[in-house]
Protein backbone atom coordinates (compact mmCIF):
# COMPACT_ATOMS: atom_id res chain seq x y z
CA MET A 1 107.29 -202.23 -72.02
CA ILE A 2 105.53 -204.73 -73.28
CA PHE A 3 102.76 -206.40 -71.26
CA THR A 4 100.33 -209.05 -71.18
CA ASP A 5 96.67 -208.91 -71.60
CA GLN A 6 94.33 -211.59 -69.63
CA CYS A 7 93.91 -213.01 -72.91
CA GLY A 8 97.86 -213.56 -73.84
CA ASN A 9 97.61 -211.04 -76.26
CA ASN A 10 101.20 -208.57 -76.03
CA PHE A 11 100.58 -205.01 -76.39
CA GLN A 12 103.50 -202.19 -76.22
CA LEU A 13 103.53 -198.69 -74.18
CA ASN A 14 106.65 -196.40 -74.56
CA ALA A 15 105.09 -194.18 -71.69
CA ALA A 16 102.08 -194.31 -69.28
CA PRO A 17 98.95 -193.41 -71.52
CA LYS A 18 97.72 -190.05 -72.10
CA ARG A 19 94.72 -191.17 -74.08
CA ILE A 20 92.44 -193.57 -73.11
CA ILE A 21 89.42 -195.38 -74.62
CA SER A 22 87.53 -197.68 -72.88
CA LEU A 23 84.87 -200.06 -74.19
CA VAL A 24 84.38 -201.77 -70.96
CA PRO A 25 81.38 -199.80 -68.94
CA SER A 26 83.00 -201.24 -65.30
CA LEU A 27 86.10 -200.59 -66.57
CA THR A 28 85.37 -196.67 -67.01
CA GLU A 29 84.42 -196.03 -63.58
CA TYR A 30 87.39 -198.17 -62.38
CA LEU A 31 89.43 -195.30 -64.61
CA PHE A 32 88.38 -192.47 -63.41
CA ASP A 33 88.41 -194.18 -59.71
CA LEU A 34 92.40 -194.11 -60.71
CA ASN A 35 92.07 -190.37 -61.42
CA LEU A 36 92.67 -190.96 -65.33
CA GLU A 37 90.28 -188.13 -65.74
CA GLU A 38 92.27 -186.61 -68.11
CA SER A 39 93.02 -189.36 -69.85
CA ILE A 40 90.11 -190.66 -71.07
CA VAL A 41 89.09 -189.66 -74.72
CA GLY A 42 86.35 -192.20 -75.15
CA LEU A 43 84.13 -194.27 -74.00
CA THR A 44 80.82 -196.70 -74.84
CA LYS A 45 77.02 -194.72 -74.76
CA PHE A 46 76.78 -197.67 -71.86
CA CYS A 47 79.28 -195.95 -69.89
CA VAL A 48 77.58 -194.14 -67.66
CA HIS A 49 79.44 -193.66 -64.27
CA PRO A 50 80.21 -191.70 -62.94
CA ARG A 51 77.92 -189.56 -64.05
CA SER A 52 78.68 -186.15 -64.04
CA LYS A 53 82.12 -187.08 -65.86
CA THR A 54 80.58 -189.70 -68.66
CA LYS A 55 78.51 -187.58 -69.86
CA LYS A 56 81.33 -184.98 -70.85
CA THR A 57 83.36 -187.43 -72.58
CA GLU A 58 83.17 -188.40 -76.40
CA LYS A 59 80.82 -191.58 -77.16
CA ILE A 60 82.19 -194.14 -79.69
CA GLY A 61 79.15 -196.25 -79.81
CA GLY A 62 77.95 -199.24 -77.90
CA THR A 63 79.96 -202.39 -76.41
CA LYS A 64 79.11 -204.46 -79.28
CA ASN A 65 78.77 -201.93 -82.24
CA LEU A 66 81.65 -199.78 -81.95
CA ASN A 67 82.09 -196.73 -84.24
CA LEU A 68 85.67 -197.78 -85.64
CA SER A 69 86.29 -194.00 -87.77
CA LYS A 70 85.78 -192.07 -84.38
CA ILE A 71 88.22 -194.10 -82.30
CA ARG A 72 90.61 -193.55 -85.06
CA ALA A 73 90.05 -189.96 -85.20
CA LEU A 74 90.68 -189.68 -81.13
CA ASN A 75 93.91 -191.78 -82.22
CA PRO A 76 94.17 -193.41 -78.51
CA ASP A 77 97.25 -195.01 -77.03
CA LEU A 78 95.23 -197.29 -75.05
CA ILE A 79 92.10 -199.22 -75.24
CA ILE A 80 90.63 -201.23 -72.78
CA ALA A 81 88.58 -203.89 -74.01
CA ASN A 82 86.39 -207.27 -72.54
CA LYS A 83 86.39 -210.83 -74.62
CA GLU A 84 83.02 -211.12 -73.31
CA GLU A 85 81.39 -207.78 -74.04
CA ASN A 86 83.04 -206.75 -76.89
CA THR A 87 82.79 -208.09 -80.59
CA LYS A 88 86.25 -210.35 -81.54
CA ASP A 89 86.19 -208.73 -85.03
CA GLN A 90 86.17 -205.24 -83.95
CA VAL A 91 88.75 -205.58 -81.09
CA GLU A 92 90.82 -207.50 -83.17
CA GLU A 93 90.76 -204.57 -85.93
CA LEU A 94 91.67 -202.17 -83.95
CA MET A 95 94.58 -204.00 -82.05
CA LYS A 96 96.34 -203.75 -85.69
CA GLU A 97 96.23 -200.13 -84.95
CA PHE A 98 96.69 -199.45 -81.08
CA PRO A 99 97.93 -200.98 -77.95
CA VAL A 100 94.52 -202.96 -76.87
CA CYS A 101 94.31 -204.65 -73.35
CA VAL A 102 91.75 -207.02 -73.47
CA THR A 103 90.25 -208.28 -70.25
CA GLN A 104 88.81 -211.59 -69.62
CA ILE A 105 86.68 -212.24 -66.19
CA GLY A 106 85.06 -215.19 -65.43
CA ASN A 107 85.58 -215.01 -61.53
CA TYR A 108 86.31 -212.58 -58.68
CA LYS A 109 89.88 -213.61 -58.95
CA ASP A 110 89.99 -212.34 -62.69
CA ALA A 111 88.37 -209.24 -61.90
CA LEU A 112 91.43 -208.17 -59.28
CA GLU A 113 94.03 -209.32 -61.92
CA ALA A 114 92.53 -207.16 -64.21
CA LEU A 115 92.18 -204.06 -61.82
CA LYS A 116 96.08 -204.49 -61.31
CA LEU A 117 96.97 -204.93 -64.47
CA ILE A 118 95.01 -201.58 -65.62
CA GLY A 119 96.74 -199.96 -62.98
CA ASN A 120 100.25 -201.29 -64.13
CA CYS A 121 100.17 -200.48 -67.64
CA THR A 122 98.30 -196.89 -66.75
CA GLY A 123 100.69 -195.85 -64.45
CA SER A 124 98.43 -196.11 -62.05
CA ILE A 125 99.48 -199.26 -59.69
CA GLN A 126 99.61 -197.45 -56.19
CA LYS A 127 96.35 -196.41 -56.86
CA ALA A 128 95.24 -199.81 -58.42
CA ASP A 129 96.68 -201.54 -55.05
CA GLU A 130 94.78 -199.44 -52.83
CA ILE A 131 91.09 -200.22 -54.43
CA CYS A 132 92.13 -204.18 -54.99
CA SER A 133 92.78 -203.61 -50.75
CA ILE A 134 89.67 -202.29 -49.98
CA ILE A 135 87.81 -204.98 -52.53
CA GLU A 136 89.75 -207.57 -50.38
CA ASN A 137 88.99 -205.78 -47.22
CA GLN A 138 85.38 -205.72 -47.46
CA LYS A 139 85.33 -209.29 -48.66
CA SER A 140 86.41 -210.75 -45.57
CA LEU A 141 84.80 -208.09 -43.64
CA TYR A 142 81.05 -208.83 -44.86
CA GLN A 143 81.38 -212.72 -44.97
CA ASN A 144 77.66 -214.78 -44.74
CA ILE A 145 77.93 -217.59 -42.38
CA GLY A 146 75.38 -220.49 -42.12
CA LYS A 147 72.82 -222.26 -44.60
CA GLN A 148 73.42 -221.59 -48.24
CA LEU A 149 70.13 -219.73 -50.04
CA LYS A 150 69.44 -221.66 -52.97
CA VAL A 151 69.03 -219.08 -55.83
CA CYS A 152 68.20 -218.39 -59.72
CA TYR A 153 69.51 -215.08 -60.81
CA LEU A 154 67.50 -213.89 -63.70
CA ILE A 155 69.29 -211.96 -66.01
CA TRP A 156 66.93 -211.82 -69.46
CA LYS A 157 63.00 -212.04 -69.85
CA LYS A 158 61.29 -213.48 -73.32
CA PRO A 159 63.43 -216.28 -72.86
CA TYR A 160 64.15 -216.47 -69.79
CA MET A 161 68.00 -216.53 -69.14
CA THR A 162 70.16 -216.84 -66.21
CA ILE A 163 74.29 -217.36 -65.68
CA GLY A 164 75.82 -220.61 -65.22
CA ALA A 165 79.00 -221.74 -63.56
CA ASP A 166 81.67 -220.27 -65.53
CA THR A 167 80.70 -216.37 -64.89
CA PHE A 168 81.88 -213.95 -62.60
CA VAL A 169 78.14 -213.85 -61.04
CA HIS A 170 78.18 -217.25 -60.67
CA ASP A 171 81.28 -216.31 -58.47
CA MET A 172 80.27 -213.57 -56.36
CA LEU A 173 76.42 -215.24 -55.41
CA THR A 174 79.04 -218.25 -53.87
CA ILE A 175 81.37 -216.17 -52.45
CA SER A 176 78.62 -214.91 -50.59
CA ASN A 177 77.21 -218.08 -49.80
CA PHE A 178 74.32 -218.36 -52.12
CA GLU A 179 73.98 -221.51 -54.16
CA ASN A 180 73.20 -220.93 -57.85
CA VAL A 181 70.69 -223.48 -58.94
CA PHE A 182 71.93 -223.44 -62.39
CA SER A 183 75.44 -224.31 -61.37
CA ASN A 184 75.48 -227.33 -63.74
CA ARG A 185 74.88 -224.87 -66.57
CA GLN A 186 77.52 -223.04 -68.93
CA ARG A 187 77.44 -219.13 -69.46
CA TYR A 188 73.99 -217.86 -69.94
CA PRO A 189 71.48 -220.22 -70.78
CA LYS A 190 68.02 -220.02 -71.80
CA ILE A 191 65.67 -221.57 -69.15
CA SER A 192 61.81 -221.97 -68.01
CA LEU A 193 59.14 -220.90 -65.84
CA ALA A 194 58.75 -225.12 -64.92
CA GLN A 195 62.58 -225.60 -65.16
CA ILE A 196 63.27 -222.91 -62.42
CA LYS A 197 60.25 -224.84 -60.33
CA SER A 198 61.79 -228.00 -60.28
CA LEU A 199 64.83 -227.02 -59.11
CA LYS A 200 63.05 -225.20 -55.60
CA PRO A 201 65.29 -222.33 -55.28
CA ASP A 202 64.95 -220.13 -51.87
CA VAL A 203 64.92 -216.84 -53.44
CA ILE A 204 64.81 -215.88 -57.18
CA LEU A 205 66.89 -212.81 -58.04
CA LEU A 206 65.43 -210.26 -60.84
CA SER A 207 68.69 -208.04 -62.11
CA SER A 208 68.45 -204.83 -62.52
CA GLU A 209 70.51 -205.48 -65.63
CA PRO A 210 70.81 -205.97 -68.55
CA TYR A 211 66.79 -206.89 -68.44
CA PRO A 212 65.52 -204.12 -66.45
CA PHE A 213 63.09 -206.61 -64.75
CA LYS A 214 60.70 -204.78 -62.25
CA GLU A 215 57.88 -205.45 -60.16
CA GLU A 216 55.37 -206.53 -61.99
CA ASP A 217 57.47 -209.35 -63.50
CA ALA A 218 58.16 -210.75 -59.95
CA TYR A 219 54.22 -210.74 -59.87
CA GLU A 220 53.70 -212.66 -63.36
CA ILE A 221 57.07 -215.24 -62.05
CA ASN A 222 54.96 -215.65 -58.36
CA LYS A 223 51.69 -216.64 -60.14
CA VAL A 224 53.88 -219.93 -61.38
CA ILE A 225 56.43 -220.33 -58.43
CA ASP A 226 56.02 -219.72 -54.97
CA CYS A 227 59.18 -218.76 -53.84
CA ASP A 228 60.68 -215.11 -52.47
CA ILE A 229 61.08 -213.20 -55.78
CA ILE A 230 63.55 -209.96 -55.19
CA LEU A 231 64.61 -207.30 -57.58
CA VAL A 232 68.64 -206.44 -57.60
CA ASN A 233 70.98 -203.91 -58.55
CA GLY A 234 72.37 -206.00 -61.13
CA GLU A 235 75.70 -203.67 -60.95
CA LEU A 236 77.07 -204.97 -57.88
CA PHE A 237 76.53 -208.10 -59.02
CA SER A 238 77.91 -208.29 -62.72
CA TRP A 239 80.40 -204.93 -62.21
CA TYR A 240 83.84 -206.06 -61.75
CA GLY A 241 85.35 -202.97 -61.63
CA SER A 242 85.76 -200.61 -58.60
CA ARG A 243 81.99 -201.07 -57.87
CA MET A 244 83.38 -204.72 -56.01
CA MET A 245 84.40 -201.94 -53.12
CA PHE A 246 80.24 -201.79 -52.43
CA ALA A 247 78.87 -205.46 -53.51
CA PHE A 248 79.99 -207.78 -50.61
CA LYS A 249 78.21 -205.25 -48.02
CA TYR A 250 75.16 -205.34 -50.25
CA PHE A 251 75.19 -209.14 -50.40
CA GLN A 252 75.28 -208.97 -46.80
CA GLU A 253 72.74 -207.19 -46.41
CA LEU A 254 70.70 -209.14 -48.72
CA TYR A 255 71.44 -212.42 -47.49
CA GLN A 256 70.88 -211.06 -43.57
CA THR A 257 67.02 -209.72 -44.93
CA LEU A 258 66.60 -213.39 -46.69
CA VAL A 259 67.46 -215.24 -43.68
CA SER A 260 65.78 -213.48 -40.98
CA GLU A 261 61.91 -213.58 -43.43
CA ARG A 262 62.67 -217.29 -43.87
CA SER A 263 62.63 -217.26 -40.07
CA SER A 264 60.36 -215.47 -38.70
């Protein structure tokens, strides 16, 4: 069969793949949740979930620094990639030799489409539909109702970086009744504490990844900006695989905690 990925590239599979390599950590976890453990032959060093299974699987470099020789030696019949997380030149090189499914995820809708596409091309559409249904149900169940909270979501330090409107994290925040104070920016802009302060966020969310913010970072920022500052689980905001099944409950609990603190 011929499939079309989210970047418009066609790739052909003659049968359900038996030698899959994942270049995308959140989608690696999803492949395991599709019960494809026996077919996963390679993944990146950042593919850490589920830990009990990923540690046993051959590592083929980092997401942006792939070991193409190792990949060739593993002779995959399907490679799962992502436009943002992987390097274009390396992915295009692999496409000359192997079927590659390139995902492109800028929002919640894109994420569900990617999960269904991967389920379809791996012969796991029933399990994929089950996971997507759980995600949709969780989204409906844990809706935050009330005043929007203005947030600044930080992903990096030195320089400080946040997320713009065309990102998956932004969309997840918006769905969960958080207003991104940098919604007028694109991608991952560099910002200053003075810029954050001028926008008067209700709360600053310090992500656990890609930069692992700690309590001392919150203390440092709080000396400049007088607002709530909270460490958050970045995987639940930015991983667009099956981890989304747990995201919306986490967002609601976070929202309710913040609302309760502000009203007390």
